[in-house]
Amino acid sequence: MKNRNLVYSTDQGRLCPNCEQSTSACQCKNEPAVGDGKVLISLETKGRKGKGVTVVKGLPVTEDDLKKLAKKLKAQCGTGGAVKNGQIEIQGDNRQKLKDLLEKEGYKSKFSGG
């Protein structure tokens, strides 16, 4: 049961958002989300010999859910890609298509970079 009256406490350090126990004594053992919730879509070409890769950063999901979402996005775009460092990389310039697909999944996103 959540203590809705708790505003701020330095008693136990960081608290789990679900069980409100300290992260070291967490009872639910939730896997932390990878991203911060600010979903940014950008096109990167550095270190890829001029080939463009669309990068999706900041998705507030766990690592397993990130891999499932990446697989779904790759299939919808008809291209390859990977999950690296908590972000999804999709080959080619698919920024608008990914923005539309993420909005259908319920993630508000915006473009980043040039």
PDB file of N, CA and C in Angstrom:
ATOM      1  N   MET A   1       0.846  -1.181   0.000  1.00  0.00           N
ATOM      2  CA  MET A   1       0.000   0.000   0.000  1.00  0.00           C
ATOM      3  C   MET A   1       0.882   1.232   0.000  1.00  0.00           C
ATOM      4  N   LYS A   2       0.592   2.144  -0.891  1.00  0.00           N
ATOM      5  CA  LYS A   2       1.409   3.332  -1.015  1.00  0.00           C
ATOM      6  C   LYS A   2       1.033   4.373   0.021  1.00  0.00           C
ATOM      7  N   ASN A   3       2.047   5.030   0.541  1.00  0.00           N
ATOM      8  CA  ASN A   3       1.861   6.109   1.489  1.00  0.00           C
ATOM      9  C   ASN A   3       1.724   7.394   0.692  1.00  0.00           C
ATOM     10  N   ARG A   4       0.531   7.794   0.406  1.00  0.00           N
ATOM     11  CA  ARG A   4       0.269   8.953  -0.452  1.00  0.00           C
ATOM     12  C   ARG A   4       0.632  10.269   0.250  1.00  0.00           C
ATOM     13  N   ASN A   5       0.844  10.243   1.545  1.00  0.00           N
ATOM     14  CA  ASN A   5       1.181  11.460   2.280  1.00  0.00           C
ATOM     15  C   ASN A   5       2.676  11.733   2.300  1.00  0.00           C
ATOM     16  N   LEU A   6       3.488  10.771   1.852  1.00  0.00           N
ATOM     17  CA  LEU A   6       4.931  10.941   1.842  1.00  0.00           C
ATOM     18  C   LEU A   6       5.319  11.938   0.767  1.00  0.00           C
ATOM     19  N   VAL A   7       5.917  13.055   1.159  1.00  0.00           N
ATOM     20  CA  VAL A   7       6.314  14.079   0.217  1.00  0.00           C
ATOM     21  C   VAL A   7       7.788  13.928  -0.110  1.00  0.00           C
ATOM     22  N   TYR A   8       8.637  13.856   0.906  1.00  0.00           N
ATOM     23  CA  TYR A   8      10.067  13.745   0.707  1.00  0.00           C
ATOM     24  C   TYR A   8      10.673  13.148   1.961  1.00  0.00           C
ATOM     25  N   SER A   9      11.609  12.252   1.781  1.00  0.00           N
ATOM     26  CA  SER A   9      12.265  11.651   2.923  1.00  0.00           C
ATOM     27  C   SER A   9      13.706  11.317   2.582  1.00  0.00           C
ATOM     28  N   THR A  10      14.625  11.635   3.489  1.00  0.00           N
ATOM     29  CA  THR A  10      16.018  11.253   3.311  1.00  0.00           C
ATOM     30  C   THR A  10      16.353  10.087   4.228  1.00  0.00           C
ATOM     31  N   ASP A  11      15.333   9.512   4.836  1.00  0.00           N
ATOM     32  CA  ASP A  11      15.513   8.439   5.805  1.00  0.00           C
ATOM     33  C   ASP A  11      16.168   7.208   5.190  1.00  0.00           C
ATOM     34  N   GLN A  12      15.679   6.761   4.016  1.00  0.00           N
ATOM     35  CA  GLN A  12      16.170   5.514   3.443  1.00  0.00           C
ATOM     36  C   GLN A  12      16.899   5.700   2.124  1.00  0.00           C
ATOM     37  N   GLY A  13      17.072   6.884   1.648  1.00  0.00           N
ATOM     38  CA  GLY A  13      17.705   7.111   0.353  1.00  0.00           C
ATOM     39  C   GLY A  13      16.685   6.979  -0.759  1.00  0.00           C
ATOM     40  N   ARG A  14      17.083   6.439  -1.896  1.00  0.00           N
ATOM     41  CA  ARG A  14      16.172   6.276  -3.030  1.00  0.00           C
ATOM     42  C   ARG A  14      15.137   5.212  -2.737  1.00  0.00           C
ATOM     43  N   LEU A  15      13.886   5.517  -3.123  1.00  0.00           N
ATOM     44  CA  LEU A  15      12.786   4.600  -2.871  1.00  0.00           C
ATOM     45  C   LEU A  15      12.262   4.011  -4.175  1.00  0.00           C
ATOM     46  N   CYS A  16      11.831   2.757  -4.108  1.00  0.00           N
ATOM     47  CA  CYS A  16      11.181   2.104  -5.241  1.00  0.00           C
ATOM     48  C   CYS A  16       9.818   2.772  -5.439  1.00  0.00           C
ATOM     49  N   PRO A  17       9.452   3.142  -6.678  1.00  0.00           N
ATOM     50  CA  PRO A  17       8.168   3.815  -6.889  1.00  0.00           C
ATOM     51  C   PRO A  17       6.951   2.918  -6.658  1.00  0.00           C
ATOM     52  N   ASN A  18       7.129   1.609  -6.677  1.00  0.00           N
ATOM     53  CA  ASN A  18       5.993   0.708  -6.509  1.00  0.00           C
ATOM     54  C   ASN A  18       5.752   0.306  -5.059  1.00  0.00           C
ATOM     55  N   CYS A  19       6.797  -0.194  -4.392  1.00  0.00           N
ATOM     56  CA  CYS A  19       6.597  -0.683  -3.022  1.00  0.00           C
ATOM     57  C   CYS A  19       7.028   0.330  -1.966  1.00  0.00           C
ATOM     58  N   GLU A  20       7.631   1.440  -2.374  1.00  0.00           N
ATOM     59  CA  GLU A  20       8.086   2.521  -1.504  1.00  0.00           C
ATOM     60  C   GLU A  20       9.062   2.066  -0.421  1.00  0.00           C
ATOM     61  N   GLN A  21       9.813   1.024  -0.712  1.00  0.00           N
ATOM     62  CA  GLN A  21      10.911   0.596   0.162  1.00  0.00           C
ATOM     63  C   GLN A  21      12.209   1.156  -0.430  1.00  0.00           C
ATOM     64  N   SER A  22      13.279   1.117   0.355  1.00  0.00           N
ATOM     65  CA  SER A  22      14.557   1.563  -0.204  1.00  0.00           C
ATOM     66  C   SER A  22      14.940   0.629  -1.347  1.00  0.00           C
ATOM     67  N   THR A  23      15.705   1.131  -2.302  1.00  0.00           N
ATOM     68  CA  THR A  23      16.040   0.318  -3.474  1.00  0.00           C
ATOM     69  C   THR A  23      16.817  -0.930  -3.094  1.00  0.00           C
ATOM     70  N   SER A  24      17.576  -0.889  -2.015  1.00  0.00           N
ATOM     71  CA  SER A  24      18.310  -2.084  -1.589  1.00  0.00           C
ATOM     72  C   SER A  24      17.397  -3.116  -0.928  1.00  0.00           C
ATOM     73  N   ALA A  25      16.275  -2.676  -0.347  1.00  0.00           N
ATOM     74  CA  ALA A  25      15.341  -3.591   0.316  1.00  0.00           C
ATOM     75  C   ALA A  25      14.026  -3.710  -0.449  1.00  0.00           C
ATOM     76  N   CYS A  26      14.066  -3.452  -1.742  1.00  0.00           N
ATOM     77  CA  CYS A  26      12.859  -3.482  -2.569  1.00  0.00           C
ATOM     78  C   CYS A  26      12.238  -4.874  -2.556  1.00  0.00           C
ATOM     79  N   GLN A  27      10.923  -4.923  -2.335  1.00  0.00           N
ATOM     80  CA  GLN A  27      10.216  -6.198  -2.259  1.00  0.00           C
ATOM     81  C   GLN A  27       9.727  -6.653  -3.629  1.00  0.00           C
ATOM     82  N   CYS A  28       9.483  -5.731  -4.516  1.00  0.00           N
ATOM     83  CA  CYS A  28       8.920  -6.100  -5.811  1.00  0.00           C
ATOM     84  C   CYS A  28      10.009  -6.390  -6.844  1.00  0.00           C
ATOM     85  N   LYS A  29      11.240  -5.971  -6.588  1.00  0.00           N
ATOM     86  CA  LYS A  29      12.383  -6.209  -7.468  1.00  0.00           C
ATOM     87  C   LYS A  29      12.099  -5.812  -8.904  1.00  0.00           C
ATOM     88  N   ASN A  30      11.512  -4.648  -9.071  1.00  0.00           N
ATOM     89  CA  ASN A  30      11.228  -4.148 -10.418  1.00  0.00           C
ATOM     90  C   ASN A  30      12.517  -3.817 -11.133  1.00  0.00           C
ATOM     91  N   GLU A  31      12.560  -4.153 -12.407  1.00  0.00           N
ATOM     92  CA  GLU A  31      13.691  -3.789 -13.237  1.00  0.00           C
ATOM     93  C   GLU A  31      13.546  -2.312 -13.570  1.00  0.00           C
ATOM     94  N   PRO A  32      14.593  -1.526 -13.390  1.00  0.00           N
ATOM     95  CA  PRO A  32      14.461  -0.091 -13.635  1.00  0.00           C
ATOM     96  C   PRO A  32      14.286   0.215 -15.121  1.00  0.00           C
ATOM     97  N   ALA A  33      13.614   1.307 -15.387  1.00  0.00           N
ATOM     98  CA  ALA A  33      13.429   1.743 -16.770  1.00  0.00           C
ATOM     99  C   ALA A  33      14.761   2.237 -17.315  1.00  0.00           C
ATOM    100  N   VAL A  34      14.965   2.037 -18.602  1.00  0.00           N
ATOM    101  CA  VAL A  34      16.215   2.422 -19.241  1.00  0.00           C
ATOM    102  C   VAL A  34      16.266   3.913 -19.490  1.00  0.00           C
ATOM    103  N   GLY A  35      15.197   4.488 -20.038  1.00  0.00           N
ATOM    104  CA  GLY A  35      15.183   5.898 -20.410  1.00  0.00           C
ATOM    105  C   GLY A  35      14.558   6.786 -19.361  1.00  0.00           C
ATOM    106  N   ASP A  36      14.617   8.086 -19.625  1.00  0.00           N
ATOM    107  CA  ASP A  36      14.102   9.068 -18.682  1.00  0.00           C
ATOM    108  C   ASP A  36      12.701   9.556 -19.026  1.00  0.00           C
ATOM    109  N   GLY A  37      12.144   9.105 -20.151  1.00  0.00           N
ATOM    110  CA  GLY A  37      10.801   9.501 -20.536  1.00  0.00           C
ATOM    111  C   GLY A  37      10.752  10.602 -21.576  1.00  0.00           C
ATOM    112  N   LYS A  38      11.880  11.250 -21.833  1.00  0.00           N
ATOM    113  CA  LYS A  38      11.963  12.267 -22.886  1.00  0.00           C
ATOM    114  C   LYS A  38      12.403  11.558 -24.165  1.00  0.00           C
ATOM    115  N   VAL A  39      11.438  11.157 -24.976  1.00  0.00           N
ATOM    116  CA  VAL A  39      11.734  10.362 -26.162  1.00  0.00           C
ATOM    117  C   VAL A  39      12.185  11.283 -27.287  1.00  0.00           C
ATOM    118  N   LEU A  40      13.432  11.089 -27.742  1.00  0.00           N
ATOM    119  CA  LEU A  40      14.017  11.902 -28.797  1.00  0.00           C
ATOM    120  C   LEU A  40      14.382  11.018 -29.976  1.00  0.00           C
ATOM    121  N   ILE A  41      14.063  11.490 -31.179  1.00  0.00           N
ATOM    122  CA  ILE A  41      14.369  10.766 -32.404  1.00  0.00           C
ATOM    123  C   ILE A  41      15.349  11.608 -33.205  1.00  0.00           C
ATOM    124  N   SER A  42      16.490  11.024 -33.581  1.00  0.00           N
ATOM    125  CA  SER A  42      17.494  11.777 -34.321  1.00  0.00           C
ATOM    126  C   SER A  42      18.120  10.907 -35.402  1.00  0.00           C
ATOM    127  N   LEU A  43      18.796  11.552 -36.344  1.00  0.00           N
ATOM    128  CA  LEU A  43      19.512  10.868 -37.406  1.00  0.00           C
ATOM    129  C   LEU A  43      21.000  11.063 -37.164  1.00  0.00           C
ATOM    130  N   GLU A  44      21.744   9.967 -37.103  1.00  0.00           N
ATOM    131  CA  GLU A  44      23.184  10.038 -36.874  1.00  0.00           C
ATOM    132  C   GLU A  44      23.917   9.388 -38.037  1.00  0.00           C
ATOM    133  N   THR A  45      25.048   9.996 -38.409  1.00  0.00           N
ATOM    134  CA  THR A  45      25.878   9.427 -39.471  1.00  0.00           C
ATOM    135  C   THR A  45      27.327   9.275 -39.032  1.00  0.00           C
ATOM    136  N   LYS A  46      27.698   9.834 -37.894  1.00  0.00           N
ATOM    137  CA  LYS A  46      29.084   9.779 -37.440  1.00  0.00           C
ATOM    138  C   LYS A  46      29.527   8.354 -37.154  1.00  0.00           C
ATOM    139  N   GLY A  47      30.694   8.006 -37.635  1.00  0.00           N
ATOM    140  CA  GLY A  47      31.267   6.688 -37.378  1.00  0.00           C
ATOM    141  C   GLY A  47      30.586   5.563 -38.135  1.00  0.00           C
ATOM    142  N   ARG A  48      29.796   5.921 -39.145  1.00  0.00           N
ATOM    143  CA  ARG A  48      29.065   4.892 -39.885  1.00  0.00           C
ATOM    144  C   ARG A  48      29.334   5.000 -41.392  1.00  0.00           C
ATOM    145  N   LYS A  49      30.449   5.613 -41.756  1.00  0.00           N
ATOM    146  CA  LYS A  49      30.857   5.772 -43.152  1.00  0.00           C
ATOM    147  C   LYS A  49      29.785   6.456 -44.000  1.00  0.00           C
ATOM    148  N   GLY A  50      29.124   7.452 -43.434  1.00  0.00           N
ATOM    149  CA  GLY A  50      28.129   8.220 -44.163  1.00  0.00           C
ATOM    150  C   GLY A  50      26.743   7.624 -44.198  1.00  0.00           C
ATOM    151  N   LYS A  51      26.574   6.427 -43.681  1.00  0.00           N
ATOM    152  CA  LYS A  51      25.258   5.784 -43.664  1.00  0.00           C
ATOM    153  C   LYS A  51      24.439   6.375 -42.517  1.00  0.00           C
ATOM    154  N   GLY A  52      23.189   6.683 -42.791  1.00  0.00           N
ATOM    155  CA  GLY A  52      22.325   7.260 -41.768  1.00  0.00           C
ATOM    156  C   GLY A  52      21.648   6.199 -40.917  1.00  0.00           C
ATOM    157  N   VAL A  53      21.563   6.462 -39.637  1.00  0.00           N
ATOM    158  CA  VAL A  53      20.885   5.583 -38.686  1.00  0.00           C
ATOM    159  C   VAL A  53      19.955   6.437 -37.832  1.00  0.00           C
ATOM    160  N   THR A  54      18.691   6.045 -37.751  1.00  0.00           N
ATOM    161  CA  THR A  54      17.734   6.751 -36.915  1.00  0.00           C
ATOM    162  C   THR A  54      17.843   6.207 -35.497  1.00  0.00           C
ATOM    163  N   VAL A  55      18.042   7.094 -34.528  1.00  0.00           N
ATOM    164  CA  VAL A  55      18.251   6.692 -33.133  1.00  0.00           C
ATOM    165  C   VAL A  55      17.078   7.189 -32.291  1.00  0.00           C
ATOM    166  N   VAL A  56      16.513   6.288 -31.485  1.00  0.00           N
ATOM    167  CA  VAL A  56      15.426   6.626 -30.563  1.00  0.00           C
ATOM    168  C   VAL A  56      15.981   6.516 -29.150  1.00  0.00           C
ATOM    169  N   LYS A  57      15.976   7.620 -28.400  1.00  0.00           N
ATOM    170  CA  LYS A  57      16.534   7.663 -27.046  1.00  0.00           C
ATOM    171  C   LYS A  57      15.456   8.017 -26.035  1.00  0.00           C
ATOM    172  N   GLY A  58      15.657   7.576 -24.795  1.00  0.00           N
ATOM    173  CA  GLY A  58      14.830   8.041 -23.682  1.00  0.00           C
ATOM    174  C   GLY A  58      13.518   7.308 -23.464  1.00  0.00           C
ATOM    175  N   LEU A  59      13.321   6.156 -24.075  1.00  0.00           N
ATOM    176  CA  LEU A  59      12.066   5.421 -23.861  1.00  0.00           C
ATOM    177  C   LEU A  59      12.000   4.907 -22.422  1.00  0.00           C
ATOM    178  N   PRO A  60      10.906   5.197 -21.704  1.00  0.00           N
ATOM    179  CA  PRO A  60      10.798   4.789 -20.296  1.00  0.00           C
ATOM    180  C   PRO A  60      10.321   3.344 -20.156  1.00  0.00           C
ATOM    181  N   VAL A  61      11.121   2.398 -20.639  1.00  0.00           N
ATOM    182  CA  VAL A  61      10.768   0.978 -20.584  1.00  0.00           C
ATOM    183  C   VAL A  61      11.961   0.192 -20.071  1.00  0.00           C
ATOM    184  N   THR A  62      11.713  -1.056 -19.694  1.00  0.00           N
ATOM    185  CA  THR A  62      12.795  -1.925 -19.237  1.00  0.00           C
ATOM    186  C   THR A  62      13.589  -2.421 -20.443  1.00  0.00           C
ATOM    187  N   GLU A  63      14.723  -3.048 -20.184  1.00  0.00           N
ATOM    188  CA  GLU A  63      15.592  -3.541 -21.254  1.00  0.00           C
ATOM    189  C   GLU A  63      14.879  -4.574 -22.130  1.00  0.00           C
ATOM    190  N   ASP A  64      14.120  -5.478 -21.508  1.00  0.00           N
ATOM    191  CA  ASP A  64      13.392  -6.497 -22.276  1.00  0.00           C
ATOM    192  C   ASP A  64      12.317  -5.866 -23.155  1.00  0.00           C
ATOM    193  N   ASP A  65      11.576  -4.913 -22.598  1.00  0.00           N
ATOM    194  CA  ASP A  65      10.537  -4.236 -23.374  1.00  0.00           C
ATOM    195  C   ASP A  65      11.144  -3.407 -24.507  1.00  0.00           C
ATOM    196  N   LEU A  66      12.342  -2.875 -24.270  1.00  0.00           N
ATOM    197  CA  LEU A  66      13.026  -2.099 -25.295  1.00  0.00           C
ATOM    198  C   LEU A  66      13.370  -2.995 -26.489  1.00  0.00           C
ATOM    199  N   LYS A  67      13.824  -4.203 -26.210  1.00  0.00           N
ATOM    200  CA  LYS A  67      14.160  -5.143 -27.282  1.00  0.00           C
ATOM    201  C   LYS A  67      12.919  -5.564 -28.060  1.00  0.00           C
ATOM    202  N   LYS A  68      11.813  -5.780 -27.360  1.00  0.00           N
ATOM    203  CA  LYS A  68      10.557  -6.150 -28.032  1.00  0.00           C
ATOM    204  C   LYS A  68      10.063  -5.016 -28.916  1.00  0.00           C
ATOM    205  N   LEU A  69      10.130  -3.779 -28.395  1.00  0.00           N
ATOM    206  CA  LEU A  69       9.699  -2.619 -29.163  1.00  0.00           C
ATOM    207  C   LEU A  69      10.596  -2.415 -30.380  1.00  0.00           C
ATOM    208  N   ALA A  70      11.904  -2.618 -30.217  1.00  0.00           N
ATOM    209  CA  ALA A  70      12.839  -2.467 -31.334  1.00  0.00           C
ATOM    210  C   ALA A  70      12.522  -3.470 -32.432  1.00  0.00           C
ATOM    211  N   LYS A  71      12.217  -4.685 -32.055  1.00  0.00           N
ATOM    212  CA  LYS A  71      11.874  -5.713 -33.039  1.00  0.00           C
ATOM    213  C   LYS A  71      10.624  -5.315 -33.819  1.00  0.00           C
ATOM    214  N   LYS A  72       9.642  -4.790 -33.108  1.00  0.00           N
ATOM    215  CA  LYS A  72       8.397  -4.356 -33.747  1.00  0.00           C
ATOM    216  C   LYS A  72       8.640  -3.182 -34.697  1.00  0.00           C
ATOM    217  N   LEU A  73       9.454  -2.208 -34.260  1.00  0.00           N
ATOM    218  CA  LEU A  73       9.746  -1.038 -35.084  1.00  0.00           C
ATOM    219  C   LEU A  73      10.544  -1.424 -36.335  1.00  0.00           C
ATOM    220  N   LYS A  74      11.505  -2.337 -36.178  1.00  0.00           N
ATOM    221  CA  LYS A  74      12.293  -2.787 -37.323  1.00  0.00           C
ATOM    222  C   LYS A  74      11.401  -3.471 -38.356  1.00  0.00           C
ATOM    223  N   ALA A  75      10.467  -4.273 -37.895  1.00  0.00           N
ATOM    224  CA  ALA A  75       9.552  -4.966 -38.809  1.00  0.00           C
ATOM    225  C   ALA A  75       8.657  -3.965 -39.540  1.00  0.00           C
ATOM    226  N   GLN A  76       8.177  -2.950 -38.831  1.00  0.00           N
ATOM    227  CA  GLN A  76       7.302  -1.944 -39.440  1.00  0.00           C
ATOM    228  C   GLN A  76       8.054  -1.086 -40.463  1.00  0.00           C
ATOM    229  N   CYS A  77       9.333  -0.833 -40.218  1.00  0.00           N
ATOM    230  CA  CYS A  77      10.128  -0.024 -41.138  1.00  0.00           C
ATOM    231  C   CYS A  77      10.716  -0.865 -42.268  1.00  0.00           C
ATOM    232  N   GLY A  78      10.769  -2.171 -42.079  1.00  0.00           N
ATOM    233  CA  GLY A  78      11.330  -3.051 -43.095  1.00  0.00           C
ATOM    234  C   GLY A  78      12.830  -2.949 -43.209  1.00  0.00           C
ATOM    235  N   THR A  79      13.492  -2.621 -42.103  1.00  0.00           N
ATOM    236  CA  THR A  79      14.946  -2.485 -42.101  1.00  0.00           C
ATOM    237  C   THR A  79      15.537  -3.181 -40.890  1.00  0.00           C
ATOM    238  N   GLY A  80      16.845  -3.216 -40.837  1.00  0.00           N
ATOM    239  CA  GLY A  80      17.545  -3.787 -39.692  1.00  0.00           C
ATOM    240  C   GLY A  80      17.784  -2.730 -38.646  1.00  0.00           C
ATOM    241  N   GLY A  81      18.376  -3.159 -37.565  1.00  0.00           N
ATOM    242  CA  GLY A  81      18.681  -2.229 -36.491  1.00  0.00           C
ATOM    243  C   GLY A  81      19.232  -2.962 -35.299  1.00  0.00           C
ATOM    244  N   ALA A  82      19.382  -2.243 -34.190  1.00  0.00           N
ATOM    245  CA  ALA A  82      19.955  -2.826 -32.983  1.00  0.00           C
ATOM    246  C   ALA A  82      19.521  -2.028 -31.765  1.00  0.00           C
ATOM    247  N   VAL A  83      19.723  -2.644 -30.598  1.00  0.00           N
ATOM    248  CA  VAL A  83      19.526  -1.957 -29.322  1.00  0.00           C
ATOM    249  C   VAL A  83      20.896  -1.835 -28.681  1.00  0.00           C
ATOM    250  N   LYS A  84      21.354  -0.593 -28.492  1.00  0.00           N
ATOM    251  CA  LYS A  84      22.670  -0.345 -27.906  1.00  0.00           C
ATOM    252  C   LYS A  84      22.570   0.766 -26.871  1.00  0.00           C
ATOM    253  N   ASN A  85      23.153   0.553 -25.737  1.00  0.00           N
ATOM    254  CA  ASN A  85      23.246   1.575 -24.689  1.00  0.00           C
ATOM    255  C   ASN A  85      21.894   2.184 -24.331  1.00  0.00           C
ATOM    256  N   GLY A  86      20.857   1.378 -24.265  1.00  0.00           N
ATOM    257  CA  GLY A  86      19.540   1.867 -23.881  1.00  0.00           C
ATOM    258  C   GLY A  86      18.836   2.683 -24.943  1.00  0.00           C
ATOM    259  N   GLN A  87      19.266   2.576 -26.187  1.00  0.00           N
ATOM    260  CA  GLN A  87      18.609   3.283 -27.273  1.00  0.00           C
ATOM    261  C   GLN A  87      18.426   2.347 -28.462  1.00  0.00           C
ATOM    262  N   ILE A  88      17.437   2.658 -29.292  1.00  0.00           N
ATOM    263  CA  ILE A  88      17.135   1.850 -30.458  1.00  0.00           C
ATOM    264  C   ILE A  88      17.738   2.515 -31.685  1.00  0.00           C
ATOM    265  N   GLU A  89      18.470   1.733 -32.485  1.00  0.00           N
ATOM    266  CA  GLU A  89      19.036   2.225 -33.730  1.00  0.00           C
ATOM    267  C   GLU A  89      18.358   1.495 -34.879  1.00  0.00           C
ATOM    268  N   ILE A  90      17.774   2.257 -35.802  1.00  0.00           N
ATOM    269  CA  ILE A  90      17.107   1.704 -36.979  1.00  0.00           C
ATOM    270  C   ILE A  90      17.853   2.216 -38.212  1.00  0.00           C
ATOM    271  N   GLN A  91      18.208   1.316 -39.128  1.00  0.00           N
ATOM    272  CA  GLN A  91      18.963   1.709 -40.315  1.00  0.00           C
ATOM    273  C   GLN A  91      18.130   2.604 -41.224  1.00  0.00           C
ATOM    274  N   GLY A  92      18.781   3.621 -41.776  1.00  0.00           N
ATOM    275  CA  GLY A  92      18.127   4.526 -42.708  1.00  0.00           C
ATOM    276  C   GLY A  92      17.464   5.709 -42.008  1.00  0.00           C
ATOM    277  N   ASP A  93      16.935   6.616 -42.818  1.00  0.00           N
ATOM    278  CA  ASP A  93      16.249   7.798 -42.300  1.00  0.00           C
ATOM    279  C   ASP A  93      14.754   7.490 -42.186  1.00  0.00           C
ATOM    280  N   ASN A  94      14.336   7.017 -41.024  1.00  0.00           N
ATOM    281  CA  ASN A  94      12.945   6.642 -40.768  1.00  0.00           C
ATOM    282  C   ASN A  94      12.348   7.473 -39.645  1.00  0.00           C
ATOM    283  N   ARG A  95      12.781   8.718 -39.517  1.00  0.00           N
ATOM    284  CA  ARG A  95      12.361   9.537 -38.379  1.00  0.00           C
ATOM    285  C   ARG A  95      10.849   9.737 -38.311  1.00  0.00           C
ATOM    286  N   GLN A  96      10.241  10.147 -39.410  1.00  0.00           N
ATOM    287  CA  GLN A  96       8.801  10.427 -39.380  1.00  0.00           C
ATOM    288  C   GLN A  96       8.000   9.148 -39.154  1.00  0.00           C
ATOM    289  N   LYS A  97       8.404   8.074 -39.797  1.00  0.00           N
ATOM    290  CA  LYS A  97       7.700   6.800 -39.636  1.00  0.00           C
ATOM    291  C   LYS A  97       7.788   6.310 -38.187  1.00  0.00           C
ATOM    292  N   LEU A  98       8.979   6.439 -37.585  1.00  0.00           N
ATOM    293  CA  LEU A  98       9.149   6.025 -36.189  1.00  0.00           C
ATOM    294  C   LEU A  98       8.345   6.905 -35.247  1.00  0.00           C
ATOM    295  N   LYS A  99       8.284   8.196 -35.530  1.00  0.00           N
ATOM    296  CA  LYS A  99       7.485   9.103 -34.687  1.00  0.00           C
ATOM    297  C   LYS A  99       6.022   8.675 -34.709  1.00  0.00           C
ATOM    298  N   ASP A 100       5.496   8.375 -35.908  1.00  0.00           N
ATOM    299  CA  ASP A 100       4.104   7.939 -36.033  1.00  0.00           C
ATOM    300  C   ASP A 100       3.874   6.614 -35.312  1.00  0.00           C
ATOM    301  N   LEU A 101       4.807   5.672 -35.467  1.00  0.00           N
ATOM    302  CA  LEU A 101       4.660   4.361 -34.821  1.00  0.00           C
ATOM    303  C   LEU A 101       4.731   4.476 -33.298  1.00  0.00           C
ATOM    304  N   LEU A 102       5.623   5.316 -32.800  1.00  0.00           N
ATOM    305  CA  LEU A 102       5.743   5.493 -31.345  1.00  0.00           C
ATOM    306  C   LEU A 102       4.499   6.159 -30.773  1.00  0.00           C
ATOM    307  N   GLU A 103       3.899   7.079 -31.508  1.00  0.00           N
ATOM    308  CA  GLU A 103       2.677   7.721 -31.034  1.00  0.00           C
ATOM    309  C   GLU A 103       1.524   6.725 -30.976  1.00  0.00           C
ATOM    310  N   LYS A 104       1.485   5.781 -31.911  1.00  0.00           N
ATOM    311  CA  LYS A 104       0.473   4.720 -31.869  1.00  0.00           C
ATOM    312  C   LYS A 104       0.665   3.825 -30.651  1.00  0.00           C
ATOM    313  N   GLU A 105       1.933   3.654 -30.235  1.00  0.00           N
ATOM    314  CA  GLU A 105       2.241   2.849 -29.055  1.00  0.00           C
ATOM    315  C   GLU A 105       2.010   3.620 -27.755  1.00  0.00           C
ATOM    316  N   GLY A 106       1.771   4.930 -27.857  1.00  0.00           N
ATOM    317  CA  GLY A 106       1.475   5.731 -26.676  1.00  0.00           C
ATOM    318  C   GLY A 106       2.647   6.529 -26.131  1.00  0.00           C
ATOM    319  N   TYR A 107       3.727   6.673 -26.907  1.00  0.00           N
ATOM    320  CA  TYR A 107       4.888   7.441 -26.466  1.00  0.00           C
ATOM    321  C   TYR A 107       4.924   8.770 -27.196  1.00  0.00           C
ATOM    322  N   LYS A 108       4.931   9.845 -26.445  1.00  0.00           N
ATOM    323  CA  LYS A 108       5.050  11.179 -27.031  1.00  0.00           C
ATOM    324  C   LYS A 108       6.529  11.409 -27.331  1.00  0.00           C
ATOM    325  N   SER A 109       6.831  11.808 -28.559  1.00  0.00           N
ATOM    326  CA  SER A 109       8.226  11.963 -28.958  1.00  0.00           C
ATOM    327  C   SER A 109       8.414  13.242 -29.746  1.00  0.00           C
ATOM    328  N   LYS A 110       9.685  13.643 -29.904  1.00  0.00           N
ATOM    329  CA  LYS A 110       9.993  14.787 -30.739  1.00  0.00           C
ATOM    330  C   LYS A 110      11.350  14.586 -31.399  1.00  0.00           C
ATOM    331  N   PHE A 111      11.572  15.339 -32.463  1.00  0.00           N
ATOM    332  CA  PHE A 111      12.810  15.224 -33.219  1.00  0.00           C
ATOM    333  C   PHE A 111      13.930  15.982 -32.517  1.00  0.00           C
ATOM    334  N   SER A 112      15.151  15.467 -32.696  1.00  0.00           N
ATOM    335  CA  SER A 112      16.312  16.073 -32.089  1.00  0.00           C
ATOM    336  C   SER A 112      17.399  16.178 -33.148  1.00  0.00           C
ATOM    337  N   GLY A 113      18.255  17.182 -33.050  1.00  0.00           N
ATOM    338  CA  GLY A 113      19.354  17.312 -34.006  1.00  0.00           C
ATOM    339  C   GLY A 113      18.928  18.033 -35.266  1.00  0.00           C
ATOM    340  N   GLY A 114      19.752  17.891 -36.326  1.00  0.00           N
ATOM    341  CA  GLY A 114      19.518  18.648 -37.542  1.00  0.00           C
ATOM    342  C   GLY A 114      18.756  17.976 -38.598  1.00  0.00           C
TER     343      GLY A 114
END
